[in-house]
Structure formats: structure tokens, C-alpha cells
Amino acid sequence: MDSGVRISVVETERLTLRPLVPDDLPELRRLHGDPEVMRFLDQDKPEDVLADDCFRAAIEKSSGRFVGWFEFLETGDGTAELGYRLHRGFWGLGYATEGGKALIERGFTTGGVQRVVATTMFVNAGSRRVMEKCGLRHVRTFHLDWDEPLPGSEHGEVEYALTREEWLAARNRSNW
């Protein structure tokens, strides 16, 4: 079943976001095998990411290096979920924000998306900062029961969201 918003290739100033291909599997394994990258994340399998068409490889234009992946998953009723995972060497360079904003813009302008949501652990300050820079606002904090909770899960999960109307207003104010 196809659950992804139909986005093929997205170009930003510094990134190409393209469908994942089988040759990306070694990079996906390296990314998912980094304990610091996975500190606040579940242990999904790289093969599952490769098989899902809502994920996009992020490739640095200047070097051709695999930066990580972005997810833009249609969840129903005009809503899409934004996700991202980057190699540590690319943290702090603005790539997560750049890729996230590009997918949000594409979803709102050509994908029929009315609302974008993203979630993370409350303690994942870096991801929360990316969500805010992408224009998403904190909607709620909630608690889930995990069989094997990660350190910090006692503080809960957070949901951030942005509606198409909010995005249009920000764009009209030149904040985009």
C-alpha cells in the first residue's frame, strides 16, 4: 500500500532529496548503527526504510555524500508526518531544517497537504529546534507505554504541527 505523499526529487540550495535506492543500504545501515544518531529513536530496520517510498535520501550537492534521510508520510485527512535522520557529521549545519522546509513547501504547494506534524521525545532538544525552525509549533506533550523505554522517555513525547494556512501566512510575511 502506498502511504507516501507523491514527491519524487526535491532540490534545495545544498541538498538533493531523491528516492532511496538499493545502493543506499550500506549508508542506511551505518546511519542506523550509530548509537548517538539512534539515542532518541526506535530501532527500525534500514531495509524497512529502503522499502518505503515516503523516504528520501538526502545527498549533499557539493560532495555527493549521503547526508541521511527524510520522511514525508501521508497519514490521512490531508495530514503528512515529517521525519528525518542525519549522519552526525552533518548535524548543526542546517540540513535538517533545509530539507524539512523543502518537503513542507512541496507538500503544501503540490501535494494537497493541509497539515504537517512531527514528533520526538521531549528530551530531544535538537530535533525540537529543527521542528521550530521549519515553522512547526508545539501542540502537545504526551506519554506512551514502551516495552523497552529509552532514557528520557519518562518526560514524554512531543507533537509539533503546522497548517497550510499558518505556512501561507508566514510565507506572506517573508518568514519562510
N, C-alpha and C. Protein backbone atom coordinates (compact mmCIF):
# COMPACT_ATOMS: atom_id res chain seq x y z
N MET A 1 0.84 -1.18 0.00
CA MET A 1 0.00 0.00 0.00
C MET A 1 0.88 1.23 0.00
N ASP A 2 0.61 2.18 -0.84
CA ASP A 2 1.37 3.41 -0.92
C ASP A 2 0.77 4.42 0.05
N SER A 3 1.59 4.83 1.04
CA SER A 3 1.09 5.80 2.01
C SER A 3 1.86 7.10 1.94
N GLY A 4 2.79 7.23 1.00
CA GLY A 4 3.60 8.43 0.94
C GLY A 4 3.00 9.48 0.02
N VAL A 5 3.22 10.74 0.38
CA VAL A 5 2.85 11.84 -0.49
C VAL A 5 3.75 11.74 -1.72
N ARG A 6 3.19 11.89 -2.90
CA ARG A 6 3.94 11.72 -4.15
C ARG A 6 4.91 12.87 -4.37
N ILE A 7 6.10 12.69 -3.85
CA ILE A 7 7.18 13.66 -4.04
C ILE A 7 8.35 12.88 -4.60
N SER A 8 8.80 13.25 -5.79
CA SER A 8 9.90 12.49 -6.37
C SER A 8 11.23 13.10 -5.92
N VAL A 9 11.78 14.01 -6.67
CA VAL A 9 13.05 14.64 -6.33
C VAL A 9 12.79 16.08 -5.94
N VAL A 10 13.41 16.50 -4.85
CA VAL A 10 13.30 17.87 -4.37
C VAL A 10 14.72 18.42 -4.28
N GLU A 11 14.92 19.59 -4.86
CA GLU A 11 16.23 20.24 -4.82
C GLU A 11 16.15 21.42 -3.85
N THR A 12 17.17 21.55 -3.00
CA THR A 12 17.32 22.73 -2.16
C THR A 12 18.64 23.39 -2.56
N GLU A 13 19.02 24.42 -1.86
CA GLU A 13 20.27 25.09 -2.18
C GLU A 13 21.46 24.13 -2.08
N ARG A 14 21.45 23.27 -1.04
CA ARG A 14 22.61 22.42 -0.79
C ARG A 14 22.34 20.92 -0.87
N LEU A 15 21.06 20.54 -1.03
CA LEU A 15 20.70 19.12 -0.98
C LEU A 15 19.88 18.70 -2.18
N THR A 16 20.01 17.44 -2.52
CA THR A 16 19.08 16.77 -3.41
C THR A 16 18.40 15.70 -2.58
N LEU A 17 17.06 15.75 -2.53
CA LEU A 17 16.27 14.75 -1.84
C LEU A 17 15.66 13.87 -2.92
N ARG A 18 16.08 12.62 -2.95
CA ARG A 18 15.65 11.71 -4.02
C ARG A 18 15.20 10.40 -3.41
N PRO A 19 14.44 9.61 -4.18
CA PRO A 19 14.04 8.30 -3.66
C PRO A 19 15.25 7.46 -3.28
N LEU A 20 15.09 6.68 -2.22
CA LEU A 20 16.14 5.76 -1.84
C LEU A 20 16.27 4.65 -2.88
N VAL A 21 17.48 4.15 -3.06
CA VAL A 21 17.75 3.06 -3.99
C VAL A 21 18.53 1.98 -3.25
N PRO A 22 18.55 0.74 -3.76
CA PRO A 22 19.26 -0.34 -3.06
C PRO A 22 20.71 -0.02 -2.74
N ASP A 23 21.38 0.76 -3.57
CA ASP A 23 22.77 1.12 -3.30
C ASP A 23 22.92 1.97 -2.04
N ASP A 24 21.82 2.52 -1.52
CA ASP A 24 21.87 3.32 -0.29
C ASP A 24 21.92 2.47 0.97
N LEU A 25 21.69 1.17 0.85
CA LEU A 25 21.58 0.31 2.03
C LEU A 25 22.81 0.36 2.94
N PRO A 26 24.04 0.34 2.43
CA PRO A 26 25.19 0.44 3.35
C PRO A 26 25.19 1.74 4.16
N GLU A 27 24.83 2.84 3.54
CA GLU A 27 24.75 4.12 4.27
C GLU A 27 23.62 4.09 5.29
N LEU A 28 22.49 3.49 4.92
CA LEU A 28 21.37 3.38 5.87
C LEU A 28 21.79 2.53 7.08
N ARG A 29 22.49 1.46 6.83
CA ARG A 29 22.96 0.60 7.93
C ARG A 29 23.94 1.35 8.83
N ARG A 30 24.82 2.12 8.23
CA ARG A 30 25.79 2.91 9.01
C ARG A 30 25.06 3.96 9.84
N LEU A 31 24.08 4.63 9.23
CA LEU A 31 23.29 5.66 9.93
C LEU A 31 22.53 5.05 11.10
N HIS A 32 21.82 3.96 10.86
CA HIS A 32 21.02 3.32 11.89
C HIS A 32 21.87 2.58 12.91
N GLY A 33 23.14 2.34 12.60
CA GLY A 33 24.04 1.67 13.52
C GLY A 33 24.79 2.61 14.44
N ASP A 34 24.61 3.91 14.27
CA ASP A 34 25.29 4.90 15.11
C ASP A 34 24.48 5.13 16.38
N PRO A 35 25.00 4.72 17.55
CA PRO A 35 24.23 4.86 18.79
C PRO A 35 23.85 6.29 19.12
N GLU A 36 24.67 7.25 18.73
CA GLU A 36 24.33 8.65 19.03
C GLU A 36 23.19 9.13 18.14
N VAL A 37 23.17 8.72 16.89
CA VAL A 37 22.06 9.05 15.99
C VAL A 37 20.77 8.44 16.53
N MET A 38 20.87 7.22 17.03
CA MET A 38 19.69 6.46 17.47
C MET A 38 19.31 6.70 18.92
N ARG A 39 19.98 7.61 19.58
CA ARG A 39 19.78 7.85 21.01
C ARG A 39 18.33 8.06 21.41
N PHE A 40 17.58 8.80 20.61
CA PHE A 40 16.20 9.12 20.92
C PHE A 40 15.20 8.43 19.98
N LEU A 41 15.66 7.41 19.27
CA LEU A 41 14.84 6.82 18.21
C LEU A 41 14.65 5.32 18.40
N ASP A 42 13.57 4.82 17.82
CA ASP A 42 13.34 3.38 17.85
C ASP A 42 14.30 2.69 16.88
N GLN A 43 14.42 1.42 17.02
CA GLN A 43 15.39 0.65 16.24
C GLN A 43 14.77 0.05 14.98
N ASP A 44 14.21 0.89 14.11
CA ASP A 44 13.66 0.37 12.87
C ASP A 44 14.79 -0.14 11.98
N LYS A 45 14.45 -0.99 11.05
CA LYS A 45 15.45 -1.64 10.20
C LYS A 45 15.70 -0.81 8.95
N PRO A 46 16.96 -0.66 8.57
CA PRO A 46 17.28 0.07 7.33
C PRO A 46 16.55 -0.49 6.11
N GLU A 47 16.36 -1.80 6.06
CA GLU A 47 15.67 -2.41 4.93
C GLU A 47 14.22 -1.93 4.84
N ASP A 48 13.59 -1.68 6.00
CA ASP A 48 12.22 -1.18 6.01
C ASP A 48 12.15 0.24 5.47
N VAL A 49 13.14 1.06 5.81
CA VAL A 49 13.20 2.43 5.30
C VAL A 49 13.38 2.41 3.79
N LEU A 50 14.29 1.55 3.32
CA LEU A 50 14.56 1.44 1.89
C LEU A 50 13.32 1.04 1.11
N ALA A 51 12.48 0.21 1.70
CA ALA A 51 11.30 -0.33 1.02
C ALA A 51 10.11 0.62 1.01
N ASP A 52 10.15 1.69 1.78
CA ASP A 52 9.01 2.59 1.91
C ASP A 52 9.22 3.84 1.05
N ASP A 53 8.30 4.10 0.14
CA ASP A 53 8.52 5.20 -0.82
C ASP A 53 8.25 6.60 -0.26
N CYS A 54 7.96 6.73 1.02
CA CYS A 54 7.79 8.07 1.60
C CYS A 54 9.13 8.61 2.12
N PHE A 55 10.21 7.80 2.04
CA PHE A 55 11.53 8.23 2.48
C PHE A 55 12.34 8.75 1.30
N ARG A 56 13.17 9.76 1.56
CA ARG A 56 14.04 10.34 0.55
C ARG A 56 15.46 10.39 1.07
N ALA A 57 16.41 9.96 0.24
CA ALA A 57 17.82 10.12 0.57
C ALA A 57 18.17 11.59 0.43
N ALA A 58 18.95 12.10 1.38
CA ALA A 58 19.46 13.47 1.30
C ALA A 58 20.92 13.38 0.86
N ILE A 59 21.20 13.98 -0.28
CA ILE A 59 22.55 13.95 -0.85
C ILE A 59 23.09 15.37 -0.88
N GLU A 60 24.28 15.55 -0.33
CA GLU A 60 24.92 16.87 -0.34
C GLU A 60 25.39 17.17 -1.76
N LYS A 61 24.90 18.27 -2.33
CA LYS A 61 25.23 18.60 -3.71
C LYS A 61 26.72 18.82 -3.93
N SER A 62 27.38 19.51 -3.01
CA SER A 62 28.78 19.88 -3.23
C SER A 62 29.73 18.69 -3.22
N SER A 63 29.36 17.62 -2.50
CA SER A 63 30.28 16.48 -2.37
C SER A 63 29.71 15.16 -2.88
N GLY A 64 28.37 15.09 -3.03
CA GLY A 64 27.72 13.84 -3.40
C GLY A 64 27.57 12.87 -2.24
N ARG A 65 27.90 13.32 -1.03
CA ARG A 65 27.82 12.44 0.14
C ARG A 65 26.38 12.24 0.61
N PHE A 66 26.12 11.05 1.15
CA PHE A 66 24.84 10.69 1.73
C PHE A 66 24.73 11.35 3.10
N VAL A 67 23.82 12.30 3.25
CA VAL A 67 23.65 13.06 4.48
C VAL A 67 22.77 12.29 5.46
N GLY A 68 21.73 11.64 4.94
CA GLY A 68 20.77 10.93 5.77
C GLY A 68 19.48 10.75 4.99
N TRP A 69 18.37 10.67 5.71
CA TRP A 69 17.09 10.54 5.02
C TRP A 69 16.05 11.46 5.63
N PHE A 70 15.03 11.73 4.81
CA PHE A 70 13.84 12.48 5.22
C PHE A 70 12.63 11.62 4.91
N GLU A 71 11.61 11.77 5.73
CA GLU A 71 10.34 11.08 5.54
C GLU A 71 9.25 12.13 5.43
N PHE A 72 8.33 11.92 4.50
CA PHE A 72 7.14 12.76 4.38
C PHE A 72 5.99 11.81 4.10
N LEU A 73 5.34 11.37 5.17
CA LEU A 73 4.37 10.29 5.14
C LEU A 73 2.95 10.83 5.27
N GLU A 74 2.13 10.57 4.27
CA GLU A 74 0.72 10.94 4.35
C GLU A 74 0.03 10.02 5.35
N THR A 75 -0.64 10.63 6.34
CA THR A 75 -1.29 9.84 7.39
C THR A 75 -2.81 9.89 7.28
N GLY A 76 -3.35 10.61 6.31
CA GLY A 76 -4.79 10.70 6.11
C GLY A 76 -5.34 12.07 6.42
N ASP A 77 -6.51 12.38 5.88
CA ASP A 77 -7.19 13.65 6.12
C ASP A 77 -6.32 14.87 5.82
N GLY A 78 -5.48 14.78 4.80
CA GLY A 78 -4.66 15.93 4.40
C GLY A 78 -3.47 16.18 5.31
N THR A 79 -3.14 15.23 6.16
CA THR A 79 -2.02 15.37 7.09
C THR A 79 -0.83 14.55 6.61
N ALA A 80 0.36 15.11 6.78
CA ALA A 80 1.60 14.40 6.47
C ALA A 80 2.52 14.51 7.67
N GLU A 81 3.28 13.44 7.90
CA GLU A 81 4.24 13.43 9.01
C GLU A 81 5.65 13.63 8.46
N LEU A 82 6.36 14.56 9.05
CA LEU A 82 7.75 14.86 8.69
C LEU A 82 8.69 14.13 9.63
N GLY A 83 9.70 13.50 9.08
CA GLY A 83 10.74 12.87 9.87
C GLY A 83 12.08 13.03 9.18
N TYR A 84 13.16 12.83 9.92
CA TYR A 84 14.50 13.00 9.37
C TYR A 84 15.49 12.28 10.26
N ARG A 85 16.56 11.85 9.66
CA ARG A 85 17.66 11.21 10.39
C ARG A 85 18.92 11.50 9.60
N LEU A 86 19.89 12.16 10.22
CA LEU A 86 21.12 12.56 9.55
C LEU A 86 22.35 11.98 10.23
N HIS A 87 23.37 11.70 9.43
CA HIS A 87 24.66 11.29 9.98
C HIS A 87 25.17 12.42 10.88
N ARG A 88 25.83 12.05 11.97
CA ARG A 88 26.33 13.03 12.94
C ARG A 88 27.22 14.10 12.32
N GLY A 89 27.99 13.74 11.33
CA GLY A 89 28.88 14.71 10.69
C GLY A 89 28.15 15.85 10.02
N PHE A 90 26.84 15.71 9.85
CA PHE A 90 26.05 16.76 9.20
C PHE A 90 25.14 17.50 10.18
N TRP A 91 25.23 17.16 11.45
CA TRP A 91 24.44 17.87 12.46
C TRP A 91 24.94 19.30 12.60
N GLY A 92 24.04 20.20 12.88
CA GLY A 92 24.40 21.59 13.15
C GLY A 92 24.70 22.42 11.92
N LEU A 93 24.49 21.88 10.74
CA LEU A 93 24.77 22.60 9.50
C LEU A 93 23.51 23.18 8.85
N GLY A 94 22.37 22.94 9.45
CA GLY A 94 21.11 23.44 8.89
C GLY A 94 20.48 22.55 7.85
N TYR A 95 21.05 21.37 7.61
CA TYR A 95 20.50 20.47 6.59
C TYR A 95 19.12 19.93 6.97
N ALA A 96 18.91 19.60 8.23
CA ALA A 96 17.60 19.08 8.63
C ALA A 96 16.51 20.12 8.41
N THR A 97 16.80 21.35 8.76
CA THR A 97 15.83 22.44 8.53
C THR A 97 15.63 22.68 7.04
N GLU A 98 16.69 22.71 6.28
CA GLU A 98 16.61 22.95 4.84
C GLU A 98 15.77 21.87 4.14
N GLY A 99 16.05 20.63 4.44
CA GLY A 99 15.29 19.54 3.84
C GLY A 99 13.85 19.51 4.31
N GLY A 100 13.65 19.72 5.60
CA GLY A 100 12.29 19.73 6.16
C GLY A 100 11.44 20.81 5.55
N LYS A 101 11.99 22.02 5.45
CA LYS A 101 11.23 23.13 4.87
C LYS A 101 10.89 22.87 3.41
N ALA A 102 11.82 22.26 2.68
CA ALA A 102 11.56 21.97 1.27
C ALA A 102 10.42 20.97 1.11
N LEU A 103 10.40 19.94 1.93
CA LEU A 103 9.32 18.95 1.85
C LEU A 103 7.98 19.54 2.28
N ILE A 104 8.01 20.37 3.31
CA ILE A 104 6.78 21.04 3.75
C ILE A 104 6.23 21.92 2.62
N GLU A 105 7.11 22.70 2.02
CA GLU A 105 6.67 23.57 0.92
C GLU A 105 6.09 22.75 -0.23
N ARG A 106 6.77 21.69 -0.61
CA ARG A 106 6.29 20.85 -1.70
C ARG A 106 4.93 20.24 -1.34
N GLY A 107 4.79 19.76 -0.12
CA GLY A 107 3.53 19.16 0.32
C GLY A 107 2.38 20.15 0.29
N PHE A 108 2.63 21.37 0.74
CA PHE A 108 1.58 22.38 0.77
C PHE A 108 1.26 22.94 -0.61
N THR A 109 2.25 23.00 -1.49
CA THR A 109 2.00 23.62 -2.80
C THR A 109 1.55 22.64 -3.87
N THR A 110 2.01 21.39 -3.79
CA THR A 110 1.65 20.44 -4.86
C THR A 110 1.10 19.11 -4.36
N GLY A 111 1.20 18.86 -3.06
CA GLY A 111 0.82 17.55 -2.55
C GLY A 111 -0.56 17.47 -1.94
N GLY A 112 -1.28 18.58 -1.88
CA GLY A 112 -2.60 18.55 -1.27
C GLY A 112 -2.59 18.43 0.24
N VAL A 113 -1.44 18.65 0.85
CA VAL A 113 -1.30 18.55 2.30
C VAL A 113 -1.91 19.80 2.95
N GLN A 114 -2.66 19.60 4.03
CA GLN A 114 -3.27 20.70 4.78
C GLN A 114 -2.61 20.90 6.14
N ARG A 115 -1.90 19.87 6.62
CA ARG A 115 -1.28 19.95 7.94
C ARG A 115 -0.07 19.02 7.97
N VAL A 116 1.03 19.51 8.55
CA VAL A 116 2.24 18.70 8.73
C VAL A 116 2.47 18.53 10.23
N VAL A 117 2.77 17.31 10.63
CA VAL A 117 3.06 17.02 12.04
C VAL A 117 4.42 16.35 12.14
N ALA A 118 5.03 16.46 13.32
CA ALA A 118 6.28 15.79 13.61
C ALA A 118 6.30 15.50 15.11
N THR A 119 6.91 14.39 15.48
CA THR A 119 7.00 14.02 16.89
C THR A 119 8.43 13.64 17.23
N THR A 120 8.76 13.79 18.51
CA THR A 120 10.05 13.36 19.03
C THR A 120 9.93 13.23 20.54
N MET A 121 10.96 12.72 21.15
CA MET A 121 10.99 12.69 22.61
C MET A 121 11.17 14.11 23.13
N PHE A 122 10.54 14.41 24.25
CA PHE A 122 10.66 15.73 24.85
C PHE A 122 12.13 16.12 25.03
N VAL A 123 12.97 15.18 25.42
CA VAL A 123 14.38 15.47 25.71
C VAL A 123 15.24 15.66 24.47
N ASN A 124 14.70 15.44 23.28
CA ASN A 124 15.46 15.59 22.05
C ASN A 124 15.42 17.06 21.60
N ALA A 125 16.21 17.88 22.27
CA ALA A 125 16.20 19.33 22.02
C ALA A 125 16.60 19.67 20.59
N GLY A 126 17.54 18.94 20.02
CA GLY A 126 17.98 19.23 18.66
C GLY A 126 16.86 19.06 17.65
N SER A 127 16.12 17.97 17.75
CA SER A 127 15.02 17.74 16.83
C SER A 127 13.89 18.75 17.05
N ARG A 128 13.62 19.06 18.28
CA ARG A 128 12.59 20.07 18.57
C ARG A 128 12.97 21.41 17.94
N ARG A 129 14.25 21.76 18.01
CA ARG A 129 14.72 23.02 17.42
C ARG A 129 14.52 23.01 15.89
N VAL A 130 14.79 21.87 15.26
CA VAL A 130 14.58 21.75 13.81
C VAL A 130 13.10 21.95 13.49
N MET A 131 12.22 21.31 14.24
CA MET A 131 10.78 21.46 14.00
C MET A 131 10.37 22.92 14.09
N GLU A 132 10.86 23.62 15.10
CA GLU A 132 10.53 25.04 15.26
C GLU A 132 11.06 25.87 14.11
N LYS A 133 12.29 25.59 13.66
CA LYS A 133 12.86 26.33 12.53
C LYS A 133 12.11 26.05 11.23
N CYS A 134 11.45 24.89 11.16
CA CYS A 134 10.63 24.56 10.00
C CYS A 134 9.24 25.19 10.10
N GLY A 135 8.98 25.91 11.18
CA GLY A 135 7.71 26.61 11.33
C GLY A 135 6.66 25.85 12.13
N LEU A 136 6.98 24.64 12.57
CA LEU A 136 6.02 23.87 13.35
C LEU A 136 5.99 24.39 14.79
N ARG A 137 4.82 24.28 15.41
CA ARG A 137 4.65 24.74 16.79
C ARG A 137 4.25 23.57 17.68
N HIS A 138 4.68 23.66 18.94
CA HIS A 138 4.34 22.63 19.91
C HIS A 138 2.83 22.55 20.08
N VAL A 139 2.28 21.35 19.92
CA VAL A 139 0.84 21.11 20.04
C VAL A 139 0.52 20.44 21.37
N ARG A 140 1.34 19.43 21.72
CA ARG A 140 1.05 18.69 22.95
C ARG A 140 2.26 17.87 23.38
N THR A 141 2.25 17.54 24.65
CA THR A 141 3.18 16.58 25.22
C THR A 141 2.34 15.40 25.67
N PHE A 142 2.79 14.20 25.37
CA PHE A 142 2.02 13.01 25.72
C PHE A 142 2.96 11.90 26.16
N HIS A 143 2.41 10.90 26.81
CA HIS A 143 3.21 9.79 27.33
C HIS A 143 2.73 8.49 26.71
N LEU A 144 3.68 7.67 26.31
CA LEU A 144 3.40 6.35 25.74
C LEU A 144 4.01 5.28 26.64
N ASP A 145 3.43 4.12 26.61
CA ASP A 145 3.99 2.97 27.33
C ASP A 145 4.87 2.19 26.38
N TRP A 146 6.15 2.06 26.71
CA TRP A 146 7.11 1.34 25.88
C TRP A 146 7.52 0.06 26.58
N ASP A 147 7.68 -1.02 25.82
CA ASP A 147 8.19 -2.27 26.38
C ASP A 147 9.61 -2.09 26.89
N GLU A 148 10.41 -1.36 26.12
CA GLU A 148 11.79 -1.07 26.50
C GLU A 148 12.02 0.43 26.35
N PRO A 149 11.62 1.22 27.37
CA PRO A 149 11.72 2.67 27.26
C PRO A 149 13.17 3.16 27.13
N LEU A 150 13.34 4.18 26.31
CA LEU A 150 14.64 4.82 26.15
C LEU A 150 14.86 5.78 27.31
N PRO A 151 16.12 6.04 27.68
CA PRO A 151 16.39 7.04 28.71
C PRO A 151 15.77 8.39 28.31
N GLY A 152 15.05 8.99 29.22
CA GLY A 152 14.38 10.26 28.96
C GLY A 152 12.92 10.11 28.60
N SER A 153 12.47 8.88 28.35
CA SER A 153 11.07 8.69 27.94
C SER A 153 10.09 9.05 29.04
N GLU A 154 10.56 9.09 30.27
CA GLU A 154 9.67 9.48 31.36
C GLU A 154 9.20 10.94 31.23
N HIS A 155 9.88 11.72 30.41
CA HIS A 155 9.48 13.11 30.17
C HIS A 155 8.44 13.23 29.06
N GLY A 156 8.20 12.14 28.36
CA GLY A 156 7.16 12.10 27.35
C GLY A 156 7.64 12.39 25.94
N GLU A 157 6.67 12.41 25.06
CA GLU A 157 6.86 12.71 23.64
C GLU A 157 6.20 14.06 23.36
N VAL A 158 6.65 14.73 22.33
CA VAL A 158 6.03 15.99 21.93
C VAL A 158 5.58 15.90 20.49
N GLU A 159 4.49 16.58 20.20
CA GLU A 159 3.98 16.70 18.84
C GLU A 159 4.03 18.17 18.45
N TYR A 160 4.54 18.42 17.26
CA TYR A 160 4.58 19.76 16.67
C TYR A 160 3.75 19.70 15.39
N ALA A 161 3.19 20.83 14.99
CA ALA A 161 2.36 20.84 13.78
C ALA A 161 2.40 22.21 13.12
N LEU A 162 2.04 22.22 11.85
CA LEU A 162 1.93 23.43 11.04
C LEU A 162 0.82 23.22 10.04
N THR A 163 -0.13 24.16 9.98
CA THR A 163 -1.19 24.07 8.99
C THR A 163 -0.79 24.82 7.73
N ARG A 164 -1.47 24.50 6.66
CA ARG A 164 -1.21 25.20 5.40
C ARG A 164 -1.48 26.69 5.54
N GLU A 165 -2.52 27.05 6.27
CA GLU A 165 -2.86 28.47 6.49
C GLU A 165 -1.74 29.19 7.24
N GLU A 166 -1.22 28.54 8.28
CA GLU A 166 -0.10 29.14 9.04
C GLU A 166 1.13 29.29 8.15
N TRP A 167 1.38 28.28 7.33
CA TRP A 167 2.53 28.33 6.43
C TRP A 167 2.37 29.47 5.42
N LEU A 168 1.16 29.60 4.84
CA LEU A 168 0.92 30.68 3.88
C LEU A 168 1.11 32.05 4.53
N ALA A 169 0.62 32.21 5.75
CA ALA A 169 0.78 33.49 6.46
C ALA A 169 2.25 33.80 6.69
N ALA A 170 3.03 32.80 7.09
CA ALA A 170 4.48 33.00 7.31
C ALA A 170 5.16 33.33 6.00
N ARG A 171 4.78 32.66 4.93
CA ARG A 171 5.38 32.92 3.63
C ARG A 171 5.07 34.33 3.16
N ASN A 172 3.84 34.78 3.40
CA ASN A 172 3.44 36.13 3.01
C ASN A 172 4.18 37.20 3.82
N ARG A 173 4.60 36.85 5.04
CA ARG A 173 5.39 37.78 5.87
C ARG A 173 6.88 37.66 5.57
N SER A 174 7.22 36.85 4.59
CA SER A 174 8.62 36.60 4.20
C SER A 174 9.41 35.90 5.30
N ASN A 175 8.72 35.14 6.15
CA ASN A 175 9.41 34.38 7.20
C ASN A 175 9.75 32.99 6.71
N TRP A 176 9.51 32.70 5.49
CA TRP A 176 9.76 31.35 5.00
C TRP A 176 11.00 31.38 4.21
